[in-house]
Amino acid sequence: MLTALLLPIFLATLERSQDISIAILARGFDYNISARTYRRQLKIHRIDYIIMGIILAMLLNALMLNSLGLGNPTEQLILNMLGQ
């Protein structure tokens, strides 16, 4: 009776441990300690600010063209829906 209860629990535990080991290996945590990967602290560099400026300029340009009625119809539809 106890075997009928413990056997499925034991098999489920083994299956779960295999899934966890596959996930660990997929993330680069191999047995070689010197080759392990770690998260690194992300820093904003000059190119990031340049790209953000370009995107902001494009957004402001699209809003200006839409206010003049020169934007493309899809932009005008979306911005008009957002404005209502």
PDB file of N, CA and C in Angstrom:
ATOM      1  N   MET A   1       0.826  -1.192   0.000  1.00  0.00           N
ATOM      2  CA  MET A   1       0.000   0.000   0.000  1.00  0.00           C
ATOM      3  C   MET A   1       0.872   1.258   0.000  1.00  0.00           C
ATOM      4  N   LEU A   2       1.887   1.257   0.840  1.00  0.00           N
ATOM      5  CA  LEU A   2       2.781   2.403   0.919  1.00  0.00           C
ATOM      6  C   LEU A   2       3.605   2.532  -0.358  1.00  0.00           C
ATOM      7  N   THR A   3       3.932   1.411  -0.980  1.00  0.00           N
ATOM      8  CA  THR A   3       4.692   1.417  -2.231  1.00  0.00           C
ATOM      9  C   THR A   3       3.887   2.078  -3.345  1.00  0.00           C
ATOM     10  N   ALA A   4       2.606   1.843  -3.380  1.00  0.00           N
ATOM     11  CA  ALA A   4       1.747   2.436  -4.394  1.00  0.00           C
ATOM     12  C   ALA A   4       1.695   3.957  -4.254  1.00  0.00           C
ATOM     13  N   LEU A   5       1.937   4.466  -3.077  1.00  0.00           N
ATOM     14  CA  LEU A   5       1.945   5.905  -2.849  1.00  0.00           C
ATOM     15  C   LEU A   5       3.325   6.501  -3.100  1.00  0.00           C
ATOM     16  N   LEU A   6       4.370   5.822  -2.676  1.00  0.00           N
ATOM     17  CA  LEU A   6       5.717   6.376  -2.762  1.00  0.00           C
ATOM     18  C   LEU A   6       6.323   6.283  -4.162  1.00  0.00           C
ATOM     19  N   LEU A   7       6.003   5.266  -4.910  1.00  0.00           N
ATOM     20  CA  LEU A   7       6.583   5.081  -6.234  1.00  0.00           C
ATOM     21  C   LEU A   7       6.246   6.228  -7.193  1.00  0.00           C
ATOM     22  N   PRO A   8       4.990   6.658  -7.332  1.00  0.00           N
ATOM     23  CA  PRO A   8       4.713   7.804  -8.221  1.00  0.00           C
ATOM     24  C   PRO A   8       5.382   9.103  -7.748  1.00  0.00           C
ATOM     25  N   ILE A   9       5.455   9.298  -6.440  1.00  0.00           N
ATOM     26  CA  ILE A   9       6.119  10.498  -5.919  1.00  0.00           C
ATOM     27  C   ILE A   9       7.608  10.466  -6.260  1.00  0.00           C
ATOM     28  N   PHE A  10       8.234   9.307  -6.095  1.00  0.00           N
ATOM     29  CA  PHE A  10       9.652   9.158  -6.406  1.00  0.00           C
ATOM     30  C   PHE A  10       9.920   9.378  -7.888  1.00  0.00           C
ATOM     31  N   LEU A  11       9.088   8.817  -8.756  1.00  0.00           N
ATOM     32  CA  LEU A  11       9.265   8.987 -10.196  1.00  0.00           C
ATOM     33  C   LEU A  11       9.042  10.438 -10.628  1.00  0.00           C
ATOM     34  N   ALA A  12       8.058  11.095 -10.031  1.00  0.00           N
ATOM     35  CA  ALA A  12       7.810  12.506 -10.353  1.00  0.00           C
ATOM     36  C   ALA A  12       8.987  13.377  -9.917  1.00  0.00           C
ATOM     37  N   THR A  13       9.589  13.035  -8.781  1.00  0.00           N
ATOM     38  CA  THR A  13      10.752  13.780  -8.304  1.00  0.00           C
ATOM     39  C   THR A  13      11.934  13.603  -9.248  1.00  0.00           C
ATOM     40  N   LEU A  14      12.161  12.400  -9.724  1.00  0.00           N
ATOM     41  CA  LEU A  14      13.242  12.162 -10.677  1.00  0.00           C
ATOM     42  C   LEU A  14      13.008  12.922 -11.987  1.00  0.00           C
ATOM     43  N   GLU A  15      11.785  12.916 -12.470  1.00  0.00           N
ATOM     44  CA  GLU A  15      11.470  13.615 -13.709  1.00  0.00           C
ATOM     45  C   GLU A  15      11.679  15.121 -13.547  1.00  0.00           C
ATOM     46  N   ARG A  16      11.257  15.654 -12.418  1.00  0.00           N
ATOM     47  CA  ARG A  16      11.420  17.086 -12.153  1.00  0.00           C
ATOM     48  C   ARG A  16      12.895  17.450 -12.040  1.00  0.00           C
ATOM     49  N   SER A  17      13.694  16.590 -11.419  1.00  0.00           N
ATOM     50  CA  SER A  17      15.117  16.893 -11.285  1.00  0.00           C
ATOM     51  C   SER A  17      15.802  16.885 -12.649  1.00  0.00           C
ATOM     52  N   GLN A  18      15.368  16.032 -13.560  1.00  0.00           N
ATOM     53  CA  GLN A  18      15.922  16.040 -14.916  1.00  0.00           C
ATOM     54  C   GLN A  18      15.556  17.332 -15.643  1.00  0.00           C
ATOM     55  N   ASP A  19      14.323  17.799 -15.473  1.00  0.00           N
ATOM     56  CA  ASP A  19      13.913  19.060 -16.093  1.00  0.00           C
ATOM     57  C   ASP A  19      14.749  20.227 -15.567  1.00  0.00           C
ATOM     58  N   ILE A  20      14.995  20.229 -14.267  1.00  0.00           N
ATOM     59  CA  ILE A  20      15.788  21.305 -13.675  1.00  0.00           C
ATOM     60  C   ILE A  20      17.227  21.259 -14.182  1.00  0.00           C
ATOM     61  N   SER A  21      17.794  20.065 -14.303  1.00  0.00           N
ATOM     62  CA  SER A  21      19.175  19.963 -14.788  1.00  0.00           C
ATOM     63  C   SER A  21      19.289  20.428 -16.235  1.00  0.00           C
ATOM     64  N   ILE A  22      18.288  20.140 -17.063  1.00  0.00           N
ATOM     65  CA  ILE A  22      18.298  20.601 -18.450  1.00  0.00           C
ATOM     66  C   ILE A  22      18.210  22.130 -18.492  1.00  0.00           C
ATOM     67  N   ALA A  23      17.372  22.700 -17.637  1.00  0.00           N
ATOM     68  CA  ALA A  23      17.240  24.161 -17.600  1.00  0.00           C
ATOM     69  C   ALA A  23      18.539  24.816 -17.143  1.00  0.00           C
ATOM     70  N   ILE A  24      19.217  24.227 -16.172  1.00  0.00           N
ATOM     71  CA  ILE A  24      20.486  24.778 -15.695  1.00  0.00           C
ATOM     72  C   ILE A  24      21.537  24.716 -16.794  1.00  0.00           C
ATOM     73  N   LEU A  25      21.621  23.613 -17.501  1.00  0.00           N
ATOM     74  CA  LEU A  25      22.601  23.492 -18.582  1.00  0.00           C
ATOM     75  C   LEU A  25      22.280  24.444 -19.739  1.00  0.00           C
ATOM     76  N   ALA A  26      20.989  24.655 -20.002  1.00  0.00           N
ATOM     77  CA  ALA A  26      20.600  25.554 -21.086  1.00  0.00           C
ATOM     78  C   ALA A  26      20.975  26.995 -20.782  1.00  0.00           C
ATOM     79  N   ARG A  27      21.078  27.357 -19.532  1.00  0.00           N
ATOM     80  CA  ARG A  27      21.442  28.710 -19.134  1.00  0.00           C
ATOM     81  C   ARG A  27      22.954  28.907 -19.030  1.00  0.00           C
ATOM     82  N   GLY A  28      23.712  27.882 -19.356  1.00  0.00           N
ATOM     83  CA  GLY A  28      25.157  28.037 -19.392  1.00  0.00           C
ATOM     84  C   GLY A  28      25.863  27.673 -18.106  1.00  0.00           C
ATOM     85  N   PHE A  29      25.187  27.180 -17.111  1.00  0.00           N
ATOM     86  CA  PHE A  29      25.826  26.763 -15.863  1.00  0.00           C
ATOM     87  C   PHE A  29      26.258  25.314 -16.011  1.00  0.00           C
ATOM     88  N   ASP A  30      27.403  25.137 -16.621  1.00  0.00           N
ATOM     89  CA  ASP A  30      27.933  23.806 -16.871  1.00  0.00           C
ATOM     90  C   ASP A  30      28.790  23.377 -15.685  1.00  0.00           C
ATOM     91  N   TYR A  31      29.383  22.213 -15.800  1.00  0.00           N
ATOM     92  CA  TYR A  31      30.216  21.713 -14.710  1.00  0.00           C
ATOM     93  C   TYR A  31      31.522  22.478 -14.606  1.00  0.00           C
ATOM     94  N   ASN A  32      31.946  23.113 -15.691  1.00  0.00           N
ATOM     95  CA  ASN A  32      33.171  23.886 -15.692  1.00  0.00           C
ATOM     96  C   ASN A  32      32.907  25.237 -15.032  1.00  0.00           C
ATOM     97  N   ILE A  33      33.408  25.436 -13.832  1.00  0.00           N
ATOM     98  CA  ILE A  33      33.102  26.640 -13.063  1.00  0.00           C
ATOM     99  C   ILE A  33      33.669  27.885 -13.730  1.00  0.00           C
ATOM    100  N   SER A  34      34.820  27.786 -14.364  1.00  0.00           N
ATOM    101  CA  SER A  34      35.428  28.970 -14.979  1.00  0.00           C
ATOM    102  C   SER A  34      34.681  29.423 -16.229  1.00  0.00           C
ATOM    103  N   ALA A  35      33.871  28.566 -16.825  1.00  0.00           N
ATOM    104  CA  ALA A  35      33.139  28.916 -18.047  1.00  0.00           C
ATOM    105  C   ALA A  35      31.687  29.291 -17.770  1.00  0.00           C
ATOM    106  N   ARG A  36      31.320  29.485 -16.529  1.00  0.00           N
ATOM    107  CA  ARG A  36      29.926  29.815 -16.214  1.00  0.00           C
ATOM    108  C   ARG A  36      29.577  31.231 -16.647  1.00  0.00           C
ATOM    109  N   THR A  37      28.310  31.424 -16.952  1.00  0.00           N
ATOM    110  CA  THR A  37      27.837  32.752 -17.334  1.00  0.00           C
ATOM    111  C   THR A  37      27.089  33.362 -16.164  1.00  0.00           C
ATOM    112  N   TYR A  38      27.186  34.664 -16.050  1.00  0.00           N
ATOM    113  CA  TYR A  38      26.510  35.399 -14.989  1.00  0.00           C
ATOM    114  C   TYR A  38      25.836  36.611 -15.604  1.00  0.00           C
ATOM    115  N   ARG A  39      24.845  37.113 -14.932  1.00  0.00           N
ATOM    116  CA  ARG A  39      24.222  38.351 -15.389  1.00  0.00           C
ATOM    117  C   ARG A  39      25.202  39.485 -15.166  1.00  0.00           C
ATOM    118  N   ARG A  40      25.183  40.419 -16.087  1.00  0.00           N
ATOM    119  CA  ARG A  40      26.062  41.568 -15.918  1.00  0.00           C
ATOM    120  C   ARG A  40      25.222  42.826 -15.765  1.00  0.00           C
ATOM    121  N   GLN A  41      25.779  43.791 -15.112  1.00  0.00           N
ATOM    122  CA  GLN A  41      25.094  45.053 -14.885  1.00  0.00           C
ATOM    123  C   GLN A  41      25.066  45.838 -16.192  1.00  0.00           C
ATOM    124  N   LEU A  42      23.875  46.194 -16.655  1.00  0.00           N
ATOM    125  CA  LEU A  42      23.755  46.950 -17.895  1.00  0.00           C
ATOM    126  C   LEU A  42      23.971  48.429 -17.613  1.00  0.00           C
ATOM    127  N   LYS A  43      24.694  49.093 -18.499  1.00  0.00           N
ATOM    128  CA  LYS A  43      24.967  50.519 -18.364  1.00  0.00           C
ATOM    129  C   LYS A  43      24.550  51.207 -19.652  1.00  0.00           C
ATOM    130  N   ILE A  44      24.067  52.430 -19.524  1.00  0.00           N
ATOM    131  CA  ILE A  44      23.670  53.207 -20.690  1.00  0.00           C
ATOM    132  C   ILE A  44      24.898  53.944 -21.206  1.00  0.00           C
ATOM    133  N   HIS A  45      25.171  53.763 -22.502  1.00  0.00           N
ATOM    134  CA  HIS A  45      26.317  54.404 -23.140  1.00  0.00           C
ATOM    135  C   HIS A  45      25.847  55.528 -24.058  1.00  0.00           C
ATOM    136  N   ARG A  46      26.800  56.208 -24.665  1.00  0.00           N
ATOM    137  CA  ARG A  46      26.480  57.351 -25.512  1.00  0.00           C
ATOM    138  C   ARG A  46      25.590  56.946 -26.688  1.00  0.00           C
ATOM    139  N   ILE A  47      25.848  55.798 -27.287  1.00  0.00           N
ATOM    140  CA  ILE A  47      25.047  55.353 -28.439  1.00  0.00           C
ATOM    141  C   ILE A  47      23.592  55.124 -28.037  1.00  0.00           C
ATOM    142  N   ASP A  48      23.358  54.707 -26.793  1.00  0.00           N
ATOM    143  CA  ASP A  48      21.985  54.511 -26.322  1.00  0.00           C
ATOM    144  C   ASP A  48      21.237  55.835 -26.273  1.00  0.00           C
ATOM    145  N   TYR A  49      21.931  56.883 -25.779  1.00  0.00           N
ATOM    146  CA  TYR A  49      21.305  58.207 -25.748  1.00  0.00           C
ATOM    147  C   TYR A  49      21.055  58.736 -27.154  1.00  0.00           C
ATOM    148  N   ILE A  50      21.967  58.452 -28.075  1.00  0.00           N
ATOM    149  CA  ILE A  50      21.788  58.900 -29.458  1.00  0.00           C
ATOM    150  C   ILE A  50      20.568  58.216 -30.075  1.00  0.00           C
ATOM    151  N   ILE A  51      20.430  56.932 -29.886  1.00  0.00           N
ATOM    152  CA  ILE A  51      19.279  56.196 -30.433  1.00  0.00           C
ATOM    153  C   ILE A  51      17.977  56.688 -29.807  1.00  0.00           C
ATOM    154  N   MET A  52      17.978  56.921 -28.485  1.00  0.00           N
ATOM    155  CA  MET A  52      16.761  57.442 -27.839  1.00  0.00           C
ATOM    156  C   MET A  52      16.401  58.814 -28.393  1.00  0.00           C
ATOM    157  N   GLY A  53      17.413  59.655 -28.673  1.00  0.00           N
ATOM    158  CA  GLY A  53      17.157  60.963 -29.258  1.00  0.00           C
ATOM    159  C   GLY A  53      16.573  60.856 -30.655  1.00  0.00           C
ATOM    160  N   ILE A  54      17.102  59.922 -31.448  1.00  0.00           N
ATOM    161  CA  ILE A  54      16.577  59.722 -32.809  1.00  0.00           C
ATOM    162  C   ILE A  54      15.125  59.264 -32.758  1.00  0.00           C
ATOM    163  N   ILE A  55      14.814  58.335 -31.869  1.00  0.00           N
ATOM    164  CA  ILE A  55      13.434  57.844 -31.746  1.00  0.00           C
ATOM    165  C   ILE A  55      12.504  58.960 -31.290  1.00  0.00           C
ATOM    166  N   LEU A  56      12.953  59.771 -30.322  1.00  0.00           N
ATOM    167  CA  LEU A  56      12.134  60.892 -29.843  1.00  0.00           C
ATOM    168  C   LEU A  56      11.912  61.902 -30.964  1.00  0.00           C
ATOM    169  N   ALA A  57      12.966  62.193 -31.759  1.00  0.00           N
ATOM    170  CA  ALA A  57      12.826  63.130 -32.874  1.00  0.00           C
ATOM    171  C   ALA A  57      11.838  62.594 -33.908  1.00  0.00           C
ATOM    172  N   MET A  58      11.893  61.294 -34.186  1.00  0.00           N
ATOM    173  CA  MET A  58      10.955  60.701 -35.146  1.00  0.00           C
ATOM    174  C   MET A  58       9.523  60.783 -34.628  1.00  0.00           C
ATOM    175  N   LEU A  59       9.339  60.552 -33.332  1.00  0.00           N
ATOM    176  CA  LEU A  59       8.002  60.632 -32.751  1.00  0.00           C
ATOM    177  C   LEU A  59       7.455  62.049 -32.818  1.00  0.00           C
ATOM    178  N   LEU A  60       8.289  63.028 -32.457  1.00  0.00           N
ATOM    179  CA  LEU A  60       7.837  64.420 -32.522  1.00  0.00           C
ATOM    180  C   LEU A  60       7.569  64.848 -33.961  1.00  0.00           C
ATOM    181  N   ASN A  61       8.388  64.379 -34.898  1.00  0.00           N
ATOM    182  CA  ASN A  61       8.173  64.675 -36.308  1.00  0.00           C
ATOM    183  C   ASN A  61       6.843  64.091 -36.789  1.00  0.00           C
ATOM    184  N   ALA A  62       6.547  62.857 -36.385  1.00  0.00           N
ATOM    185  CA  ALA A  62       5.281  62.231 -36.785  1.00  0.00           C
ATOM    186  C   ALA A  62       4.097  62.984 -36.198  1.00  0.00           C
ATOM    187  N   LEU A  63       4.210  63.431 -34.943  1.00  0.00           N
ATOM    188  CA  LEU A  63       3.117  64.195 -34.338  1.00  0.00           C
ATOM    189  C   LEU A  63       2.927  65.531 -35.043  1.00  0.00           C
ATOM    190  N   MET A  64       4.038  66.190 -35.420  1.00  0.00           N
ATOM    191  CA  MET A  64       3.939  67.467 -36.121  1.00  0.00           C
ATOM    192  C   MET A  64       3.295  67.275 -37.500  1.00  0.00           C
ATOM    193  N   LEU A  65       3.728  66.255 -38.236  1.00  0.00           N
ATOM    194  CA  LEU A  65       3.131  65.999 -39.547  1.00  0.00           C
ATOM    195  C   LEU A  65       1.652  65.652 -39.427  1.00  0.00           C
ATOM    196  N   ASN A  66       1.291  64.933 -38.380  1.00  0.00           N
ATOM    197  CA  ASN A  66      -0.118  64.582 -38.185  1.00  0.00           C
ATOM    198  C   ASN A  66      -0.938  65.827 -37.877  1.00  0.00           C
ATOM    199  N   SER A  67      -0.373  66.744 -37.093  1.00  0.00           N
ATOM    200  CA  SER A  67      -1.124  67.964 -36.770  1.00  0.00           C
ATOM    201  C   SER A  67      -1.305  68.845 -38.004  1.00  0.00           C
ATOM    202  N   LEU A  68      -0.375  68.757 -38.957  1.00  0.00           N
ATOM    203  CA  LEU A  68      -0.504  69.507 -40.206  1.00  0.00           C
ATOM    204  C   LEU A  68      -1.353  68.770 -41.231  1.00  0.00           C
ATOM    205  N   GLY A  69      -1.750  67.538 -40.936  1.00  0.00           N
ATOM    206  CA  GLY A  69      -2.565  66.746 -41.846  1.00  0.00           C
ATOM    207  C   GLY A  69      -1.752  66.067 -42.930  1.00  0.00           C
ATOM    208  N   LEU A  70      -0.435  65.963 -42.737  1.00  0.00           N
ATOM    209  CA  LEU A  70       0.437  65.379 -43.753  1.00  0.00           C
ATOM    210  C   LEU A  70       0.921  63.981 -43.393  1.00  0.00           C
ATOM    211  N   GLY A  71       0.507  63.460 -42.245  1.00  0.00           N
ATOM    212  CA  GLY A  71       0.924  62.126 -41.843  1.00  0.00           C
ATOM    213  C   GLY A  71       0.236  61.065 -42.668  1.00  0.00           C
ATOM    214  N   ASN A  72       0.731  59.842 -42.590  1.00  0.00           N
ATOM    215  CA  ASN A  72       0.067  58.791 -43.371  1.00  0.00           C
ATOM    216  C   ASN A  72      -1.260  58.432 -42.701  1.00  0.00           C
ATOM    217  N   PRO A  73      -2.198  57.895 -43.457  1.00  0.00           N
ATOM    218  CA  PRO A  73      -3.553  57.659 -42.934  1.00  0.00           C
ATOM    219  C   PRO A  73      -3.597  56.731 -41.720  1.00  0.00           C
ATOM    220  N   THR A  74      -2.707  55.741 -41.678  1.00  0.00           N
ATOM    221  CA  THR A  74      -2.711  54.813 -40.542  1.00  0.00           C
ATOM    222  C   THR A  74      -2.315  55.541 -39.265  1.00  0.00           C
ATOM    223  N   GLU A  75      -1.261  56.374 -39.346  1.00  0.00           N
ATOM    224  CA  GLU A  75      -0.848  57.147 -38.175  1.00  0.00           C
ATOM    225  C   GLU A  75      -1.970  58.066 -37.725  1.00  0.00           C
ATOM    226  N   GLN A  76      -2.609  58.739 -38.690  1.00  0.00           N
ATOM    227  CA  GLN A  76      -3.684  59.665 -38.342  1.00  0.00           C
ATOM    228  C   GLN A  76      -4.833  58.936 -37.664  1.00  0.00           C
ATOM    229  N   LEU A  77      -5.171  57.754 -38.163  1.00  0.00           N
ATOM    230  CA  LEU A  77      -6.259  56.983 -37.561  1.00  0.00           C
ATOM    231  C   LEU A  77      -5.915  56.594 -36.126  1.00  0.00           C
ATOM    232  N   ILE A  78      -4.710  56.080 -35.920  1.00  0.00           N
ATOM    233  CA  ILE A  78      -4.307  55.634 -34.587  1.00  0.00           C
ATOM    234  C   ILE A  78      -4.229  56.803 -33.623  1.00  0.00           C
ATOM    235  N   LEU A  79      -3.595  57.913 -34.051  1.00  0.00           N
ATOM    236  CA  LEU A  79      -3.474  59.054 -33.163  1.00  0.00           C
ATOM    237  C   LEU A  79      -4.827  59.695 -32.874  1.00  0.00           C
ATOM    238  N   ASN A  80      -5.731  59.680 -33.851  1.00  0.00           N
ATOM    239  CA  ASN A  80      -7.074  60.218 -33.609  1.00  0.00           C
ATOM    240  C   ASN A  80      -7.846  59.330 -32.637  1.00  0.00           C
ATOM    241  N   MET A  81      -7.654  58.011 -32.741  1.00  0.00           N
ATOM    242  CA  MET A  81      -8.320  57.092 -31.800  1.00  0.00           C
ATOM    243  C   MET A  81      -7.773  57.299 -30.390  1.00  0.00           C
ATOM    244  N   LEU A  82      -6.477  57.544 -30.272  1.00  0.00           N
ATOM    245  CA  LEU A  82      -5.882  57.774 -28.958  1.00  0.00           C
ATOM    246  C   LEU A  82      -6.311  59.110 -28.373  1.00  0.00           C
ATOM    247  N   GLY A  83      -6.559  60.080 -29.238  1.00  0.00           N
ATOM    248  CA  GLY A  83      -6.944  61.406 -28.771  1.00  0.00           C
ATOM    249  C   GLY A  83      -8.387  61.496 -28.286  1.00  0.00           C
ATOM    250  N   GLN A  84      -9.218  60.551 -28.695  1.00  0.00           N
ATOM    251  CA  GLN A  84     -10.654  60.624 -28.322  1.00  0.00           C
ATOM    252  C   GLN A  84     -10.903  60.110 -26.953  1.00  0.00           C
TER     253      GLN A  84
END
